[in-house]
Amino acid sequence: MKPLLRARLVWDLTPHHEVPEVLKLLGMTAPGPDVATLSCADSHRRLKRVEPLKADFAKMSHMSAEIMIRTMLGGAVDELDSELVALLVKQHGEVIRVGSLVSAAQLLDAGILTYSRTTK
């Protein structure tokens, strides 16, 4: 993975006060104060672009998680406590939602993906 993209993903996925430590855990160099300020602002700008998509991503992520959990567990899902299955769906849904939003933000920022803000 390209170092710049990896650093941007860390900024978009991590609470900003934890970014230097996460970068170090990934074997990357933490930025100096000036670069950190710019990186933080860039992250906020990227994430603001996907703000209108949050509700749609949340719905699709939950549905995707439910499909994935039921597919992974197969017939065993019926033998598990329904609260456990619901928790698994919720946790996986959150991971899918966040990963999808951040990926969309990166693709929009790079000009690879575009969308129009239309109302139905």
PDB file of N, CA and C in Angstrom:
ATOM      1  N   MET A   1       0.854  -1.187   0.000  1.00  0.00           N
ATOM      2  CA  MET A   1       0.000   0.000   0.000  1.00  0.00           C
ATOM      3  C   MET A   1       0.890   1.237   0.000  1.00  0.00           C
ATOM      4  N   LYS A   2       0.481   2.218  -0.721  1.00  0.00           N
ATOM      5  CA  LYS A   2       1.244   3.453  -0.808  1.00  0.00           C
ATOM      6  C   LYS A   2       1.246   4.150   0.553  1.00  0.00           C
ATOM      7  N   PRO A   3       2.412   4.632   1.009  1.00  0.00           N
ATOM      8  CA  PRO A   3       2.496   5.262   2.338  1.00  0.00           C
ATOM      9  C   PRO A   3       1.561   6.464   2.517  1.00  0.00           C
ATOM     10  N   LEU A   4       1.432   7.287   1.484  1.00  0.00           N
ATOM     11  CA  LEU A   4       0.572   8.466   1.620  1.00  0.00           C
ATOM     12  C   LEU A   4      -0.887   8.057   1.789  1.00  0.00           C
ATOM     13  N   LEU A   5      -1.348   7.093   0.997  1.00  0.00           N
ATOM     14  CA  LEU A   5      -2.717   6.614   1.129  1.00  0.00           C
ATOM     15  C   LEU A   5      -2.934   5.978   2.494  1.00  0.00           C
ATOM     16  N   ARG A   6      -1.965   5.195   2.933  1.00  0.00           N
ATOM     17  CA  ARG A   6      -2.079   4.557   4.249  1.00  0.00           C
ATOM     18  C   ARG A   6      -2.189   5.612   5.349  1.00  0.00           C
ATOM     19  N   ALA A   7      -1.377   6.643   5.277  1.00  0.00           N
ATOM     20  CA  ALA A   7      -1.438   7.709   6.282  1.00  0.00           C
ATOM     21  C   ALA A   7      -2.788   8.417   6.243  1.00  0.00           C
ATOM     22  N   ARG A   8      -3.305   8.674   5.042  1.00  0.00           N
ATOM     23  CA  ARG A   8      -4.618   9.319   4.922  1.00  0.00           C
ATOM     24  C   ARG A   8      -5.711   8.442   5.520  1.00  0.00           C
ATOM     25  N   LEU A   9      -5.634   7.137   5.280  1.00  0.00           N
ATOM     26  CA  LEU A   9      -6.617   6.227   5.861  1.00  0.00           C
ATOM     27  C   LEU A   9      -6.547   6.244   7.382  1.00  0.00           C
ATOM     28  N   VAL A  10      -5.338   6.290   7.923  1.00  0.00           N
ATOM     29  CA  VAL A  10      -5.195   6.373   9.386  1.00  0.00           C
ATOM     30  C   VAL A  10      -5.877   7.639   9.896  1.00  0.00           C
ATOM     31  N   TRP A  11      -5.646   8.758   9.240  1.00  0.00           N
ATOM     32  CA  TRP A  11      -6.272  10.012   9.663  1.00  0.00           C
ATOM     33  C   TRP A  11      -7.796   9.927   9.601  1.00  0.00           C
ATOM     34  N   ASP A  12      -8.318   9.267   8.569  1.00  0.00           N
ATOM     35  CA  ASP A  12      -9.770   9.193   8.392  1.00  0.00           C
ATOM     36  C   ASP A  12     -10.426   8.160   9.305  1.00  0.00           C
ATOM     37  N   LEU A  13      -9.673   7.162   9.748  1.00  0.00           N
ATOM     38  CA  LEU A  13     -10.240   6.083  10.554  1.00  0.00           C
ATOM     39  C   LEU A  13     -10.009   6.225  12.053  1.00  0.00           C
ATOM     40  N   THR A  14      -9.093   7.079  12.438  1.00  0.00           N
ATOM     41  CA  THR A  14      -8.616   7.117  13.820  1.00  0.00           C
ATOM     42  C   THR A  14      -8.924   8.468  14.468  1.00  0.00           C
ATOM     43  N   PRO A  15      -9.312   8.461  15.746  1.00  0.00           N
ATOM     44  CA  PRO A  15      -9.413   9.759  16.438  1.00  0.00           C
ATOM     45  C   PRO A  15      -8.059  10.482  16.307  1.00  0.00           C
ATOM     46  N   HIS A  16      -8.104  11.728  15.935  1.00  0.00           N
ATOM     47  CA  HIS A  16      -6.886  12.432  15.550  1.00  0.00           C
ATOM     48  C   HIS A  16      -5.827  12.514  16.643  1.00  0.00           C
ATOM     49  N   HIS A  17      -6.239  12.515  17.891  1.00  0.00           N
ATOM     50  CA  HIS A  17      -5.227  12.554  18.953  1.00  0.00           C
ATOM     51  C   HIS A  17      -4.473  11.217  19.067  1.00  0.00           C
ATOM     52  N   GLU A  18      -5.000  10.154  18.432  1.00  0.00           N
ATOM     53  CA  GLU A  18      -4.347   8.849  18.474  1.00  0.00           C
ATOM     54  C   GLU A  18      -3.529   8.548  17.210  1.00  0.00           C
ATOM     55  N   VAL A  19      -3.611   9.415  16.209  1.00  0.00           N
ATOM     56  CA  VAL A  19      -2.943   9.163  14.923  1.00  0.00           C
ATOM     57  C   VAL A  19      -1.440   8.926  15.081  1.00  0.00           C
ATOM     58  N   PRO A  20      -0.689   9.759  15.821  1.00  0.00           N
ATOM     59  CA  PRO A  20       0.755   9.507  15.904  1.00  0.00           C
ATOM     60  C   PRO A  20       1.081   8.101  16.422  1.00  0.00           C
ATOM     61  N   GLU A  21       0.357   7.647  17.412  1.00  0.00           N
ATOM     62  CA  GLU A  21       0.622   6.315  17.969  1.00  0.00           C
ATOM     63  C   GLU A  21       0.256   5.216  16.978  1.00  0.00           C
ATOM     64  N   VAL A  22      -0.860   5.366  16.288  1.00  0.00           N
ATOM     65  CA  VAL A  22      -1.276   4.363  15.299  1.00  0.00           C
ATOM     66  C   VAL A  22      -0.265   4.311  14.151  1.00  0.00           C
ATOM     67  N   LEU A  23       0.194   5.468  13.700  1.00  0.00           N
ATOM     68  CA  LEU A  23       1.206   5.490  12.644  1.00  0.00           C
ATOM     69  C   LEU A  23       2.466   4.747  13.091  1.00  0.00           C
ATOM     70  N   LYS A  24       2.888   4.978  14.321  1.00  0.00           N
ATOM     71  CA  LYS A  24       4.072   4.280  14.841  1.00  0.00           C
ATOM     72  C   LYS A  24       3.831   2.775  14.887  1.00  0.00           C
ATOM     73  N   LEU A  25       2.634   2.351  15.299  1.00  0.00           N
ATOM     74  CA  LEU A  25       2.304   0.922  15.343  1.00  0.00           C
ATOM     75  C   LEU A  25       2.367   0.288  13.960  1.00  0.00           C
ATOM     76  N   LEU A  26       2.111   1.080  12.941  1.00  0.00           N
ATOM     77  CA  LEU A  26       2.156   0.604  11.557  1.00  0.00           C
ATOM     78  C   LEU A  26       3.542   0.761  10.925  1.00  0.00           C
ATOM     79  N   GLY A  27       4.518   1.195  11.743  1.00  0.00           N
ATOM     80  CA  GLY A  27       5.878   1.352  11.240  1.00  0.00           C
ATOM     81  C   GLY A  27       6.085   2.622  10.446  1.00  0.00           C
ATOM     82  N   MET A  28       5.209   3.591  10.651  1.00  0.00           N
ATOM     83  CA  MET A  28       5.295   4.854   9.919  1.00  0.00           C
ATOM     84  C   MET A  28       5.751   5.957  10.864  1.00  0.00           C
ATOM     85  N   THR A  29       6.221   7.041  10.306  1.00  0.00           N
ATOM     86  CA  THR A  29       6.692   8.176  11.087  1.00  0.00           C
ATOM     87  C   THR A  29       5.527   9.116  11.389  1.00  0.00           C
ATOM     88  N   ALA A  30       5.413   9.496  12.649  1.00  0.00           N
ATOM     89  CA  ALA A  30       4.380  10.454  13.035  1.00  0.00           C
ATOM     90  C   ALA A  30       4.745  11.829  12.483  1.00  0.00           C
ATOM     91  N   PRO A  31       3.760  12.586  12.044  1.00  0.00           N
ATOM     92  CA  PRO A  31       4.046  13.896  11.462  1.00  0.00           C
ATOM     93  C   PRO A  31       4.401  14.929  12.527  1.00  0.00           C
ATOM     94  N   GLY A  32       5.090  15.963  12.085  1.00  0.00           N
ATOM     95  CA  GLY A  32       5.343  17.096  12.957  1.00  0.00           C
ATOM     96  C   GLY A  32       4.067  17.902  13.117  1.00  0.00           C
ATOM     97  N   PRO A  33       4.069  18.895  14.007  1.00  0.00           N
ATOM     98  CA  PRO A  33       2.845  19.659  14.294  1.00  0.00           C
ATOM     99  C   PRO A  33       2.221  20.335  13.071  1.00  0.00           C
ATOM    100  N   ASP A  34       3.033  20.909  12.204  1.00  0.00           N
ATOM    101  CA  ASP A  34       2.482  21.599  11.028  1.00  0.00           C
ATOM    102  C   ASP A  34       1.813  20.617  10.064  1.00  0.00           C
ATOM    103  N   VAL A  35       2.473  19.501   9.814  1.00  0.00           N
ATOM    104  CA  VAL A  35       1.919  18.488   8.918  1.00  0.00           C
ATOM    105  C   VAL A  35       0.675  17.864   9.545  1.00  0.00           C
ATOM    106  N   ALA A  36       0.710  17.651  10.862  1.00  0.00           N
ATOM    107  CA  ALA A  36      -0.452  17.079  11.552  1.00  0.00           C
ATOM    108  C   ALA A  36      -1.668  17.998  11.426  1.00  0.00           C
ATOM    109  N   THR A  37      -1.468  19.282  11.545  1.00  0.00           N
ATOM    110  CA  THR A  37      -2.566  20.246  11.411  1.00  0.00           C
ATOM    111  C   THR A  37      -3.164  20.180  10.006  1.00  0.00           C
ATOM    112  N   LEU A  38      -2.308  20.149   8.997  1.00  0.00           N
ATOM    113  CA  LEU A  38      -2.787  20.053   7.612  1.00  0.00           C
ATOM    114  C   LEU A  38      -3.479  18.719   7.344  1.00  0.00           C
ATOM    115  N   SER A  39      -2.911  17.636   7.860  1.00  0.00           N
ATOM    116  CA  SER A  39      -3.495  16.304   7.658  1.00  0.00           C
ATOM    117  C   SER A  39      -4.858  16.188   8.325  1.00  0.00           C
ATOM    118  N   CYS A  40      -4.983  16.781   9.486  1.00  0.00           N
ATOM    119  CA  CYS A  40      -6.259  16.793  10.200  1.00  0.00           C
ATOM    120  C   CYS A  40      -7.309  17.552   9.392  1.00  0.00           C
ATOM    121  N   ALA A  41      -6.952  18.694   8.879  1.00  0.00           N
ATOM    122  CA  ALA A  41      -7.881  19.496   8.072  1.00  0.00           C
ATOM    123  C   ALA A  41      -8.265  18.753   6.796  1.00  0.00           C
ATOM    124  N   ASP A  42      -7.295  18.104   6.152  1.00  0.00           N
ATOM    125  CA  ASP A  42      -7.587  17.332   4.947  1.00  0.00           C
ATOM    126  C   ASP A  42      -8.556  16.194   5.241  1.00  0.00           C
ATOM    127  N   SER A  43      -8.369  15.538   6.370  1.00  0.00           N
ATOM    128  CA  SER A  43      -9.261  14.446   6.755  1.00  0.00           C
ATOM    129  C   SER A  43     -10.686  14.949   6.955  1.00  0.00           C
ATOM    130  N   HIS A  44     -10.821  16.054   7.655  1.00  0.00           N
ATOM    131  CA  HIS A  44     -12.162  16.633   7.870  1.00  0.00           C
ATOM    132  C   HIS A  44     -12.816  16.998   6.532  1.00  0.00           C
ATOM    133  N   ARG A  45     -12.035  17.522   5.609  1.00  0.00           N
ATOM    134  CA  ARG A  45     -12.558  17.888   4.289  1.00  0.00           C
ATOM    135  C   ARG A  45     -13.039  16.645   3.539  1.00  0.00           C
ATOM    136  N   ARG A  46     -12.218  15.579   3.564  1.00  0.00           N
ATOM    137  CA  ARG A  46     -12.606  14.343   2.870  1.00  0.00           C
ATOM    138  C   ARG A  46     -13.884  13.753   3.462  1.00  0.00           C
ATOM    139  N   LEU A  47     -13.935  13.686   4.774  1.00  0.00           N
ATOM    140  CA  LEU A  47     -15.086  13.065   5.432  1.00  0.00           C
ATOM    141  C   LEU A  47     -16.356  13.897   5.289  1.00  0.00           C
ATOM    142  N   LYS A  48     -16.208  15.207   5.178  1.00  0.00           N
ATOM    143  CA  LYS A  48     -17.380  16.062   4.974  1.00  0.00           C
ATOM    144  C   LYS A  48     -18.047  15.767   3.629  1.00  0.00           C
ATOM    145  N   ARG A  49     -17.245  15.384   2.643  1.00  0.00           N
ATOM    146  CA  ARG A  49     -17.805  15.080   1.314  1.00  0.00           C
ATOM    147  C   ARG A  49     -18.731  13.871   1.335  1.00  0.00           C
ATOM    148  N   VAL A  50     -18.505  12.937   2.242  1.00  0.00           N
ATOM    149  CA  VAL A  50     -19.353  11.742   2.297  1.00  0.00           C
ATOM    150  C   VAL A  50     -20.482  11.867   3.322  1.00  0.00           C
ATOM    151  N   GLU A  51     -20.541  12.986   3.993  1.00  0.00           N
ATOM    152  CA  GLU A  51     -21.593  13.211   5.009  1.00  0.00           C
ATOM    153  C   GLU A  51     -22.996  12.942   4.457  1.00  0.00           C
ATOM    154  N   PRO A  52     -23.339  13.417   3.247  1.00  0.00           N
ATOM    155  CA  PRO A  52     -24.695  13.166   2.727  1.00  0.00           C
ATOM    156  C   PRO A  52     -24.985  11.686   2.458  1.00  0.00           C
ATOM    157  N   LEU A  53     -23.954  10.873   2.409  1.00  0.00           N
ATOM    158  CA  LEU A  53     -24.123   9.458   2.089  1.00  0.00           C
ATOM    159  C   LEU A  53     -24.227   8.567   3.323  1.00  0.00           C
ATOM    160  N   LYS A  54     -24.054   9.138   4.505  1.00  0.00           N
ATOM    161  CA  LYS A  54     -23.980   8.341   5.729  1.00  0.00           C
ATOM    162  C   LYS A  54     -25.185   7.440   5.958  1.00  0.00           C
ATOM    163  N   ALA A  55     -26.384   7.962   5.788  1.00  0.00           N
ATOM    164  CA  ALA A  55     -27.582   7.159   6.050  1.00  0.00           C
ATOM    165  C   ALA A  55     -27.676   5.984   5.080  1.00  0.00           C
ATOM    166  N   ASP A  56     -27.364   6.234   3.819  1.00  0.00           N
ATOM    167  CA  ASP A  56     -27.411   5.153   2.833  1.00  0.00           C
ATOM    168  C   ASP A  56     -26.366   4.083   3.137  1.00  0.00           C
ATOM    169  N   PHE A  57     -25.165   4.512   3.485  1.00  0.00           N
ATOM    170  CA  PHE A  57     -24.120   3.555   3.820  1.00  0.00           C
ATOM    171  C   PHE A  57     -24.491   2.756   5.070  1.00  0.00           C
ATOM    172  N   ALA A  58     -25.128   3.390   6.028  1.00  0.00           N
ATOM    173  CA  ALA A  58     -25.526   2.694   7.255  1.00  0.00           C
ATOM    174  C   ALA A  58     -26.525   1.581   6.945  1.00  0.00           C
ATOM    175  N   LYS A  59     -27.528   1.889   6.121  1.00  0.00           N
ATOM    176  CA  LYS A  59     -28.531   0.874   5.766  1.00  0.00           C
ATOM    177  C   LYS A  59     -27.899  -0.295   5.019  1.00  0.00           C
ATOM    178  N   MET A  60     -27.108   0.025   3.996  1.00  0.00           N
ATOM    179  CA  MET A  60     -26.506  -1.032   3.189  1.00  0.00           C
ATOM    180  C   MET A  60     -25.478  -1.843   3.983  1.00  0.00           C
ATOM    181  N   SER A  61     -24.766  -1.187   4.870  1.00  0.00           N
ATOM    182  CA  SER A  61     -23.764  -1.890   5.677  1.00  0.00           C
ATOM    183  C   SER A  61     -24.427  -2.886   6.615  1.00  0.00           C
ATOM    184  N   HIS A  62     -25.541  -2.484   7.219  1.00  0.00           N
ATOM    185  CA  HIS A  62     -26.259  -3.395   8.116  1.00  0.00           C
ATOM    186  C   HIS A  62     -26.782  -4.601   7.331  1.00  0.00           C
ATOM    187  N   MET A  63     -27.376  -4.348   6.172  1.00  0.00           N
ATOM    188  CA  MET A  63     -27.885  -5.456   5.352  1.00  0.00           C
ATOM    189  C   MET A  63     -26.737  -6.363   4.908  1.00  0.00           C
ATOM    190  N   SER A  64     -25.629  -5.772   4.507  1.00  0.00           N
ATOM    191  CA  SER A  64     -24.469  -6.561   4.083  1.00  0.00           C
ATOM    192  C   SER A  64     -23.946  -7.416   5.224  1.00  0.00           C
ATOM    193  N   ALA A  65     -23.895  -6.839   6.413  1.00  0.00           N
ATOM    194  CA  ALA A  65     -23.405  -7.581   7.579  1.00  0.00           C
ATOM    195  C   ALA A  65     -24.312  -8.760   7.897  1.00  0.00           C
ATOM    196  N   GLU A  66     -25.607  -8.536   7.826  1.00  0.00           N
ATOM    197  CA  GLU A  66     -26.541  -9.632   8.108  1.00  0.00           C
ATOM    198  C   GLU A  66     -26.360 -10.772   7.097  1.00  0.00           C
ATOM    199  N   ILE A  67     -26.224 -10.420   5.835  1.00  0.00           N
ATOM    200  CA  ILE A  67     -26.009 -11.431   4.795  1.00  0.00           C
ATOM    201  C   ILE A  67     -24.699 -12.177   5.043  1.00  0.00           C
ATOM    202  N   MET A  68     -23.641 -11.427   5.356  1.00  0.00           N
ATOM    203  CA  MET A  68     -22.331 -12.041   5.563  1.00  0.00           C
ATOM    204  C   MET A  68     -22.320 -12.963   6.780  1.00  0.00           C
ATOM    205  N   ILE A  69     -22.905 -12.518   7.885  1.00  0.00           N
ATOM    206  CA  ILE A  69     -22.928 -13.338   9.103  1.00  0.00           C
ATOM    207  C   ILE A  69     -23.703 -14.619   8.847  1.00  0.00           C
ATOM    208  N   ARG A  70     -24.865 -14.497   8.225  1.00  0.00           N
ATOM    209  CA  ARG A  70     -25.673 -15.699   7.946  1.00  0.00           C
ATOM    210  C   ARG A  70     -24.953 -16.624   6.964  1.00  0.00           C
ATOM    211  N   THR A  71     -24.234 -16.059   6.012  1.00  0.00           N
ATOM    212  CA  THR A  71     -23.482 -16.877   5.061  1.00  0.00           C
ATOM    213  C   THR A  71     -22.312 -17.576   5.757  1.00  0.00           C
ATOM    214  N   MET A  72     -21.573 -16.834   6.585  1.00  0.00           N
ATOM    215  CA  MET A  72     -20.415 -17.410   7.278  1.00  0.00           C
ATOM    216  C   MET A  72     -20.823 -18.505   8.259  1.00  0.00           C
ATOM    217  N   LEU A  73     -21.917 -18.277   8.982  1.00  0.00           N
ATOM    218  CA  LEU A  73     -22.332 -19.230  10.010  1.00  0.00           C
ATOM    219  C   LEU A  73     -23.208 -20.352   9.462  1.00  0.00           C
ATOM    220  N   GLY A  74     -23.793 -20.127   8.303  1.00  0.00           N
ATOM    221  CA  GLY A  74     -24.635 -21.150   7.696  1.00  0.00           C
ATOM    222  C   GLY A  74     -25.759 -21.575   8.626  1.00  0.00           C
ATOM    223  N   GLY A  75     -26.001 -22.879   8.690  1.00  0.00           N
ATOM    224  CA  GLY A  75     -27.077 -23.413   9.528  1.00  0.00           C
ATOM    225  C   GLY A  75     -26.832 -23.229  11.015  1.00  0.00           C
ATOM    226  N   ALA A  76     -25.570 -23.009  11.395  1.00  0.00           N
ATOM    227  CA  ALA A  76     -25.248 -22.827  12.814  1.00  0.00           C
ATOM    228  C   ALA A  76     -25.867 -21.561  13.388  1.00  0.00           C
ATOM    229  N   VAL A  77     -26.232 -20.619  12.533  1.00  0.00           N
ATOM    230  CA  VAL A  77     -26.801 -19.362  13.016  1.00  0.00           C
ATOM    231  C   VAL A  77     -28.092 -19.617  13.802  1.00  0.00           C
ATOM    232  N   ASP A  78     -28.840 -20.647  13.426  1.00  0.00           N
ATOM    233  CA  ASP A  78     -30.093 -20.956  14.109  1.00  0.00           C
ATOM    234  C   ASP A  78     -29.868 -21.541  15.500  1.00  0.00           C
ATOM    235  N   GLU A  79     -28.667 -22.053  15.746  1.00  0.00           N
ATOM    236  CA  GLU A  79     -28.336 -22.636  17.046  1.00  0.00           C
ATOM    237  C   GLU A  79     -27.782 -21.603  18.024  1.00  0.00           C
ATOM    238  N   LEU A  80     -27.447 -20.415  17.527  1.00  0.00           N
ATOM    239  CA  LEU A  80     -26.875 -19.372  18.378  1.00  0.00           C
ATOM    240  C   LEU A  80     -27.961 -18.504  18.986  1.00  0.00           C
ATOM    241  N   ASP A  81     -27.631 -17.910  20.113  1.00  0.00           N
ATOM    242  CA  ASP A  81     -28.530 -16.971  20.765  1.00  0.00           C
ATOM    243  C   ASP A  81     -28.782 -15.788  19.823  1.00  0.00           C
ATOM    244  N   SER A  82     -30.021 -15.387  19.691  1.00  0.00           N
ATOM    245  CA  SER A  82     -30.366 -14.306  18.763  1.00  0.00           C
ATOM    246  C   SER A  82     -29.685 -12.989  19.136  1.00  0.00           C
ATOM    247  N   GLU A  83     -29.435 -12.777  20.434  1.00  0.00           N
ATOM    248  CA  GLU A  83     -28.742 -11.551  20.852  1.00  0.00           C
ATOM    249  C   GLU A  83     -27.294 -11.554  20.372  1.00  0.00           C
ATOM    250  N   LEU A  84     -26.660 -12.736  20.384  1.00  0.00           N
ATOM    251  CA  LEU A  84     -25.292 -12.846  19.888  1.00  0.00           C
ATOM    252  C   LEU A  84     -25.244 -12.582  18.383  1.00  0.00           C
ATOM    253  N   VAL A  85     -26.181 -13.135  17.657  1.00  0.00           N
ATOM    254  CA  VAL A  85     -26.234 -12.915  16.210  1.00  0.00           C
ATOM    255  C   VAL A  85     -26.449 -11.426  15.928  1.00  0.00           C
ATOM    256  N   ALA A  86     -27.348 -10.806  16.677  1.00  0.00           N
ATOM    257  CA  ALA A  86     -27.603  -9.367  16.491  1.00  0.00           C
ATOM    258  C   ALA A  86     -26.346  -8.552  16.784  1.00  0.00           C
ATOM    259  N   LEU A  87     -25.599  -8.931  17.810  1.00  0.00           N
ATOM    260  CA  LEU A  87     -24.358  -8.222  18.148  1.00  0.00           C
ATOM    261  C   LEU A  87     -23.319  -8.396  17.040  1.00  0.00           C
ATOM    262  N   LEU A  88     -23.201  -9.599  16.516  1.00  0.00           N
ATOM    263  CA  LEU A  88     -22.267  -9.836  15.413  1.00  0.00           C
ATOM    264  C   LEU A  88     -22.632  -8.996  14.193  1.00  0.00           C
ATOM    265  N   VAL A  89     -23.925  -8.944  13.878  1.00  0.00           N
ATOM    266  CA  VAL A  89     -24.383  -8.142  12.738  1.00  0.00           C
ATOM    267  C   VAL A  89     -24.064  -6.670  12.983  1.00  0.00           C
ATOM    268  N   LYS A  90     -24.323  -6.201  14.195  1.00  0.00           N
ATOM    269  CA  LYS A  90     -24.069  -4.786  14.514  1.00  0.00           C
ATOM    270  C   LYS A  90     -22.577  -4.458  14.388  1.00  0.00           C
ATOM    271  N   GLN A  91     -21.721  -5.301  14.964  1.00  0.00           N
ATOM    272  CA  GLN A  91     -20.280  -5.045  14.928  1.00  0.00           C
ATOM    273  C   GLN A  91     -19.741  -5.093  13.498  1.00  0.00           C
ATOM    274  N   HIS A  92     -20.105  -6.114  12.759  1.00  0.00           N
ATOM    275  CA  HIS A  92     -19.647  -6.213  11.384  1.00  0.00           C
ATOM    276  C   HIS A  92     -20.208  -5.064  10.543  1.00  0.00           C
ATOM    277  N   GLY A  93     -21.437  -4.682  10.802  1.00  0.00           N
ATOM    278  CA  GLY A  93     -22.043  -3.566  10.082  1.00  0.00           C
ATOM    279  C   GLY A  93     -21.278  -2.274  10.287  1.00  0.00           C
ATOM    280  N   GLU A  94     -20.829  -2.046  11.521  1.00  0.00           N
ATOM    281  CA  GLU A  94     -20.052  -0.836  11.809  1.00  0.00           C
ATOM    282  C   GLU A  94     -18.716  -0.841  11.075  1.00  0.00           C
ATOM    283  N   VAL A  95     -18.056  -1.992  11.060  1.00  0.00           N
ATOM    284  CA  VAL A  95     -16.775  -2.100  10.357  1.00  0.00           C
ATOM    285  C   VAL A  95     -16.975  -1.850   8.858  1.00  0.00           C
ATOM    286  N   ILE A  96     -18.019  -2.448   8.296  1.00  0.00           N
ATOM    287  CA  ILE A  96     -18.309  -2.259   6.880  1.00  0.00           C
ATOM    288  C   ILE A  96     -18.648  -0.797   6.599  1.00  0.00           C
ATOM    289  N   ARG A  97     -19.478  -0.194   7.457  1.00  0.00           N
ATOM    290  CA  ARG A  97     -19.907   1.195   7.255  1.00  0.00           C
ATOM    291  C   ARG A  97     -18.716   2.145   7.255  1.00  0.00           C
ATOM    292  N   VAL A  98     -17.891   2.030   8.273  1.00  0.00           N
ATOM    293  CA  VAL A  98     -16.751   2.940   8.398  1.00  0.00           C
ATOM    294  C   VAL A  98     -15.762   2.727   7.256  1.00  0.00           C
ATOM    295  N   GLY A  99     -15.453   1.468   6.969  1.00  0.00           N
ATOM    296  CA  GLY A  99     -14.530   1.186   5.878  1.00  0.00           C
ATOM    297  C   GLY A  99     -15.053   1.672   4.540  1.00  0.00           C
ATOM    298  N   SER A 100     -16.353   1.512   4.316  1.00  0.00           N
ATOM    299  CA  SER A 100     -16.948   1.956   3.056  1.00  0.00           C
ATOM    300  C   SER A 100     -16.944   3.472   2.934  1.00  0.00           C
ATOM    301  N   LEU A 101     -17.314   4.157   4.005  1.00  0.00           N
ATOM    302  CA  LEU A 101     -17.334   5.626   3.969  1.00  0.00           C
ATOM    303  C   LEU A 101     -15.939   6.198   3.730  1.00  0.00           C
ATOM    304  N   VAL A 102     -14.963   5.662   4.441  1.00  0.00           N
ATOM    305  CA  VAL A 102     -13.593   6.164   4.296  1.00  0.00           C
ATOM    306  C   VAL A 102     -13.068   5.850   2.895  1.00  0.00           C
ATOM    307  N   SER A 103     -13.378   4.672   2.384  1.00  0.00           N
ATOM    308  CA  SER A 103     -12.962   4.330   1.021  1.00  0.00           C
ATOM    309  C   SER A 103     -13.612   5.268   0.015  1.00  0.00           C
ATOM    310  N   ALA A 104     -14.897   5.526   0.181  1.00  0.00           N
ATOM    311  CA  ALA A 104     -15.591   6.455  -0.721  1.00  0.00           C
ATOM    312  C   ALA A 104     -14.972   7.847  -0.631  1.00  0.00           C
ATOM    313  N   ALA A 105     -14.643   8.286   0.573  1.00  0.00           N
ATOM    314  CA  ALA A 105     -14.021   9.604   0.747  1.00  0.00           C
ATOM    315  C   ALA A 105     -12.694   9.680   0.000  1.00  0.00           C
ATOM    316  N   GLN A 106     -11.902   8.625   0.095  1.00  0.00           N
ATOM    317  CA  GLN A 106     -10.612   8.594  -0.595  1.00  0.00           C
ATOM    318  C   GLN A 106     -10.798   8.606  -2.110  1.00  0.00           C
ATOM    319  N   LEU A 107     -11.751   7.811  -2.602  1.00  0.00           N
ATOM    320  CA  LEU A 107     -11.990   7.737  -4.045  1.00  0.00           C
ATOM    321  C   LEU A 107     -12.552   9.046  -4.593  1.00  0.00           C
ATOM    322  N   LEU A 108     -13.419   9.678  -3.835  1.00  0.00           N
ATOM    323  CA  LEU A 108     -13.932  10.997  -4.244  1.00  0.00           C
ATOM    324  C   LEU A 108     -12.808  12.015  -4.280  1.00  0.00           C
ATOM    325  N   ASP A 109     -11.974  12.001  -3.253  1.00  0.00           N
ATOM    326  CA  ASP A 109     -10.879  12.960  -3.159  1.00  0.00           C
ATOM    327  C   ASP A 109      -9.890  12.790  -4.313  1.00  0.00           C
ATOM    328  N   ALA A 110      -9.679  11.553  -4.746  1.00  0.00           N
ATOM    329  CA  ALA A 110      -8.742  11.277  -5.840  1.00  0.00           C
ATOM    330  C   ALA A 110      -9.374  11.509  -7.212  1.00  0.00           C
ATOM    331  N   GLY A 111     -10.690  11.780  -7.246  1.00  0.00           N
ATOM    332  CA  GLY A 111     -11.366  11.999  -8.515  1.00  0.00           C
ATOM    333  C   GLY A 111     -11.715  10.716  -9.256  1.00  0.00           C
ATOM    334  N   ILE A 112     -11.534   9.575  -8.596  1.00  0.00           N
ATOM    335  CA  ILE A 112     -11.837   8.284  -9.208  1.00  0.00           C
ATOM    336  C   ILE A 112     -13.343   8.023  -9.184  1.00  0.00           C
ATOM    337  N   LEU A 113     -13.993   8.542  -8.172  1.00  0.00           N
ATOM    338  CA  LEU A 113     -15.434   8.353  -7.985  1.00  0.00           C
ATOM    339  C   LEU A 113     -16.102   9.720  -7.929  1.00  0.00           C
ATOM    340  N   THR A 114     -17.255   9.828  -8.542  1.00  0.00           N
ATOM    341  CA  THR A 114     -18.041  11.056  -8.458  1.00  0.00           C
ATOM    342  C   THR A 114     -19.487  10.675  -8.160  1.00  0.00           C
ATOM    343  N   TYR A 115     -20.236  11.602  -7.627  1.00  0.00           N
ATOM    344  CA  TYR A 115     -21.672  11.391  -7.444  1.00  0.00           C
ATOM    345  C   TYR A 115     -22.363  12.729  -7.518  1.00  0.00           C
ATOM    346  N   SER A 116     -23.619  12.673  -7.919  1.00  0.00           N
ATOM    347  CA  SER A 116     -24.393  13.912  -7.965  1.00  0.00           C
ATOM    348  C   SER A 116     -25.353  13.909  -6.793  1.00  0.00           C
ATOM    349  N   ARG A 117     -25.569  15.057  -6.258  1.00  0.00           N
ATOM    350  CA  ARG A 117     -26.469  15.191  -5.110  1.00  0.00           C
ATOM    351  C   ARG A 117     -27.873  15.486  -5.623  1.00  0.00           C
ATOM    352  N   THR A 118     -28.595  14.440  -5.916  1.00  0.00           N
ATOM    353  CA  THR A 118     -29.954  14.592  -6.388  1.00  0.00           C
ATOM    354  C   THR A 118     -30.916  14.160  -5.303  1.00  0.00           C
ATOM    355  N   THR A 119     -32.101  14.667  -5.345  1.00  0.00           N
ATOM    356  CA  THR A 119     -33.124  14.249  -4.393  1.00  0.00           C
ATOM    357  C   THR A 119     -34.172  13.441  -5.132  1.00  0.00           C
ATOM    358  N   LYS A 120     -34.750  12.503  -4.437  1.00  0.00           N
ATOM    359  CA  LYS A 120     -35.772  11.645  -5.045  1.00  0.00           C
ATOM    360  C   LYS A 120     -37.135  12.041  -4.579  1.00  0.00           C
TER     361      LYS A 120
END
